[in-house]
């Protein structure tokens, strides 16, 4: 555990009271950051799934509309479906990377 530097007490504050205050602050922070249950994990999986599905469906719908109104030699439906899928996967990957970074930073704060 890190030792606190010698600081002159203010208003009759002692080293013991500063230590107790720091412990209480950690307890309050821990209560605010309660352990998430299984439903939190299921919700996150659903969120990641929707972040892939929505752009894929939007690309497919736009492709169907373009193919219907402006027929051509190649399929806009297939092209935009693949583009939507790639955008959705990139979106999910960025979101997961951001969450992973936040978790690692939080762990480093706890370790200090």
C-alpha atoms as a PDB file:
ATOM      1  CA  UNK A   1       0.000   0.000   0.000  1.00  0.00           C
ATOM      2  CA  UNK A   2       1.266   3.458  -0.750  1.00  0.00           C
ATOM      3  CA  UNK A   3       2.163   5.638   2.189  1.00  0.00           C
ATOM      4  CA  UNK A   4       0.709   9.086   2.331  1.00  0.00           C
ATOM      5  CA  UNK A   5       3.177  11.965   2.468  1.00  0.00           C
ATOM      6  CA  UNK A   6       3.450  13.818   5.747  1.00  0.00           C
ATOM      7  CA  UNK A   7       0.948  16.635   5.477  1.00  0.00           C
ATOM      8  CA  UNK A   8       0.154  18.959   8.323  1.00  0.00           C
ATOM      9  CA  UNK A   9      -3.355  18.278   9.591  1.00  0.00           C
ATOM     10  CA  UNK A  10      -5.921  20.979   8.919  1.00  0.00           C
ATOM     11  CA  UNK A  11      -8.649  21.836  11.412  1.00  0.00           C
ATOM     12  CA  UNK A  12      -7.657  19.146  13.905  1.00  0.00           C
ATOM     13  CA  UNK A  13      -7.600  16.381  11.288  1.00  0.00           C
ATOM     14  CA  UNK A  14      -5.340  13.467  12.167  1.00  0.00           C
ATOM     15  CA  UNK A  15      -3.613  10.883  10.008  1.00  0.00           C
ATOM     16  CA  UNK A  16      -6.091   8.314  11.324  1.00  0.00           C
ATOM     17  CA  UNK A  17      -9.105  10.385  10.226  1.00  0.00           C
ATOM     18  CA  UNK A  18      -7.585  10.917   6.753  1.00  0.00           C
ATOM     19  CA  UNK A  19      -7.070   7.158   6.430  1.00  0.00           C
ATOM     20  CA  UNK A  20     -10.654   6.427   7.491  1.00  0.00           C
ATOM     21  CA  UNK A  21     -11.919   9.080   5.063  1.00  0.00           C
ATOM     22  CA  UNK A  22      -9.993   7.499   2.192  1.00  0.00           C
ATOM     23  CA  UNK A  23     -11.392   4.053   3.030  1.00  0.00           C
ATOM     24  CA  UNK A  24     -14.927   5.422   3.122  1.00  0.00           C
ATOM     25  CA  UNK A  25     -14.437   7.120  -0.251  1.00  0.00           C
ATOM     26  CA  UNK A  26     -13.308   3.788  -1.744  1.00  0.00           C
ATOM     27  CA  UNK A  27     -16.369   2.039  -0.285  1.00  0.00           C
ATOM     28  CA  UNK A  28     -18.716   4.636  -1.756  1.00  0.00           C
ATOM     29  CA  UNK A  29     -17.038   4.347  -5.156  1.00  0.00           C
ATOM     30  CA  UNK A  30     -17.379   0.543  -5.016  1.00  0.00           C
ATOM     31  CA  UNK A  31     -21.091   0.808  -4.216  1.00  0.00           C
ATOM     32  CA  UNK A  32     -21.637   3.081  -7.201  1.00  0.00           C
ATOM     33  CA  UNK A  33     -19.803   0.589  -9.413  1.00  0.00           C
ATOM     34  CA  UNK A  34     -21.769  -2.489  -8.322  1.00  0.00           C
ATOM     35  CA  UNK A  35     -20.948  -5.854  -9.882  1.00  0.00           C
ATOM     36  CA  UNK A  36     -23.019  -6.399 -12.995  1.00  0.00           C
ATOM     37  CA  UNK A  37     -24.941  -9.626 -13.232  1.00  0.00           C
ATOM     38  CA  UNK A  38     -25.552 -12.035 -16.063  1.00  0.00           C
ATOM     39  CA  UNK A  39     -28.317  -9.887 -17.535  1.00  0.00           C
ATOM     40  CA  UNK A  40     -25.848  -7.050 -18.011  1.00  0.00           C
ATOM     41  CA  UNK A  41     -23.670  -9.394 -20.104  1.00  0.00           C
ATOM     42  CA  UNK A  42     -26.641 -10.619 -22.116  1.00  0.00           C
ATOM     43  CA  UNK A  43     -27.620  -7.014 -22.768  1.00  0.00           C
ATOM     44  CA  UNK A  44     -24.125  -6.179 -23.985  1.00  0.00           C
ATOM     45  CA  UNK A  45     -24.178  -9.143 -26.381  1.00  0.00           C
ATOM     46  CA  UNK A  46     -27.520  -7.902 -27.687  1.00  0.00           C
ATOM     47  CA  UNK A  47     -26.167  -4.384 -28.108  1.00  0.00           C
ATOM     48  CA  UNK A  48     -23.189  -5.657 -30.084  1.00  0.00           C
ATOM     49  CA  UNK A  49     -25.501  -7.791 -32.223  1.00  0.00           C
ATOM     50  CA  UNK A  50     -27.758  -4.871 -33.035  1.00  0.00           C
ATOM     51  CA  UNK A  51     -24.767  -2.695 -33.896  1.00  0.00           C
ATOM     52  CA  UNK A  52     -23.987  -5.218 -36.661  1.00  0.00           C
ATOM     53  CA  UNK A  53     -27.559  -6.031 -37.730  1.00  0.00           C
ATOM     54  CA  UNK A  54     -28.872  -2.484 -38.173  1.00  0.00           C
ATOM     55  CA  UNK A  55     -26.295  -1.287 -40.756  1.00  0.00           C
ATOM     56  CA  UNK A  56     -26.580  -4.637 -42.566  1.00  0.00           C
ATOM     57  CA  UNK A  57     -30.361  -4.361 -42.851  1.00  0.00           C
ATOM     58  CA  UNK A  58     -30.201  -0.700 -43.859  1.00  0.00           C
ATOM     59  CA  UNK A  59     -27.700  -1.519 -46.600  1.00  0.00           C
ATOM     60  CA  UNK A  60     -29.849  -4.406 -47.808  1.00  0.00           C
ATOM     61  CA  UNK A  61     -33.012  -2.282 -47.849  1.00  0.00           C
ATOM     62  CA  UNK A  62     -31.269   0.501 -49.762  1.00  0.00           C
ATOM     63  CA  UNK A  63     -29.868  -2.060 -52.223  1.00  0.00           C
ATOM     64  CA  UNK A  64     -33.295  -3.560 -52.839  1.00  0.00           C
ATOM     65  CA  UNK A  65     -34.736  -0.097 -53.455  1.00  0.00           C
ATOM     66  CA  UNK A  66     -31.946   0.831 -55.892  1.00  0.00           C
ATOM     67  CA  UNK A  67     -32.284  -2.503 -57.755  1.00  0.00           C
ATOM     68  CA  UNK A  68     -36.039  -2.025 -58.017  1.00  0.00           C
ATOM     69  CA  UNK A  69     -35.917   1.575 -59.263  1.00  0.00           C
ATOM     70  CA  UNK A  70     -32.652   1.511 -61.265  1.00  0.00           C
ATOM     71  CA  UNK A  71     -32.024  -2.004 -62.582  1.00  0.00           C
ATOM     72  CA  UNK A  72     -28.452  -2.635 -63.718  1.00  0.00           C
ATOM     73  CA  UNK A  73     -25.941  -5.304 -64.525  1.00  0.00           C
ATOM     74  CA  UNK A  74     -24.837  -5.951 -60.955  1.00  0.00           C
ATOM     75  CA  UNK A  75     -26.737  -6.376 -57.713  1.00  0.00           C
ATOM     76  CA  UNK A  76     -26.790  -3.321 -55.463  1.00  0.00           C
ATOM     77  CA  UNK A  77     -28.523  -5.438 -52.821  1.00  0.00           C
ATOM     78  CA  UNK A  78     -25.562  -7.765 -52.427  1.00  0.00           C
ATOM     79  CA  UNK A  79     -23.032  -4.930 -52.640  1.00  0.00           C
ATOM     80  CA  UNK A  80     -24.724  -2.800 -49.982  1.00  0.00           C
ATOM     81  CA  UNK A  81     -25.407  -5.838 -47.795  1.00  0.00           C
ATOM     82  CA  UNK A  82     -21.660  -6.550 -47.655  1.00  0.00           C
ATOM     83  CA  UNK A  83     -20.821  -2.878 -47.092  1.00  0.00           C
ATOM     84  CA  UNK A  84     -23.416  -2.677 -44.288  1.00  0.00           C
ATOM     85  CA  UNK A  85     -22.029  -5.834 -42.701  1.00  0.00           C
ATOM     86  CA  UNK A  86     -18.476  -4.427 -42.807  1.00  0.00           C
ATOM     87  CA  UNK A  87     -19.619  -1.132 -41.275  1.00  0.00           C
ATOM     88  CA  UNK A  88     -21.529  -2.995 -38.558  1.00  0.00           C
ATOM     89  CA  UNK A  89     -18.541  -5.200 -37.697  1.00  0.00           C
ATOM     90  CA  UNK A  90     -16.250  -2.159 -37.578  1.00  0.00           C
ATOM     91  CA  UNK A  91     -18.753  -0.385 -35.331  1.00  0.00           C
ATOM     92  CA  UNK A  92     -18.929  -3.376 -32.952  1.00  0.00           C
ATOM     93  CA  UNK A  93     -15.140  -3.777 -32.919  1.00  0.00           C
ATOM     94  CA  UNK A  94     -14.606  -0.097 -32.055  1.00  0.00           C
ATOM     95  CA  UNK A  95     -17.205  -0.258 -29.284  1.00  0.00           C
ATOM     96  CA  UNK A  96     -15.680  -3.406 -27.752  1.00  0.00           C
ATOM     97  CA  UNK A  97     -12.175  -1.908 -27.969  1.00  0.00           C
ATOM     98  CA  UNK A  98     -13.385   1.229 -26.169  1.00  0.00           C
ATOM     99  CA  UNK A  99     -15.033  -0.799 -23.406  1.00  0.00           C
ATOM    100  CA  UNK A 100     -11.920  -2.976 -23.027  1.00  0.00           C
ATOM    101  CA  UNK A 101      -9.750   0.127 -22.674  1.00  0.00           C
ATOM    102  CA  UNK A 102     -12.047   1.532 -19.967  1.00  0.00           C
ATOM    103  CA  UNK A 103     -11.979  -1.773 -18.054  1.00  0.00           C
ATOM    104  CA  UNK A 104      -8.178  -1.932 -18.202  1.00  0.00           C
ATOM    105  CA  UNK A 105      -7.838   1.685 -17.000  1.00  0.00           C
ATOM    106  CA  UNK A 106     -10.225   0.946 -14.124  1.00  0.00           C
ATOM    107  CA  UNK A 107      -8.177  -2.125 -13.160  1.00  0.00           C
ATOM    108  CA  UNK A 108      -4.969  -0.067 -13.202  1.00  0.00           C
ATOM    109  CA  UNK A 109      -6.593   2.481 -10.862  1.00  0.00           C
ATOM    110  CA  UNK A 110      -7.541  -0.319  -8.456  1.00  0.00           C
ATOM    111  CA  UNK A 111      -4.033  -1.759  -8.531  1.00  0.00           C
ATOM    112  CA  UNK A 112      -2.438   1.570  -7.620  1.00  0.00           C
END
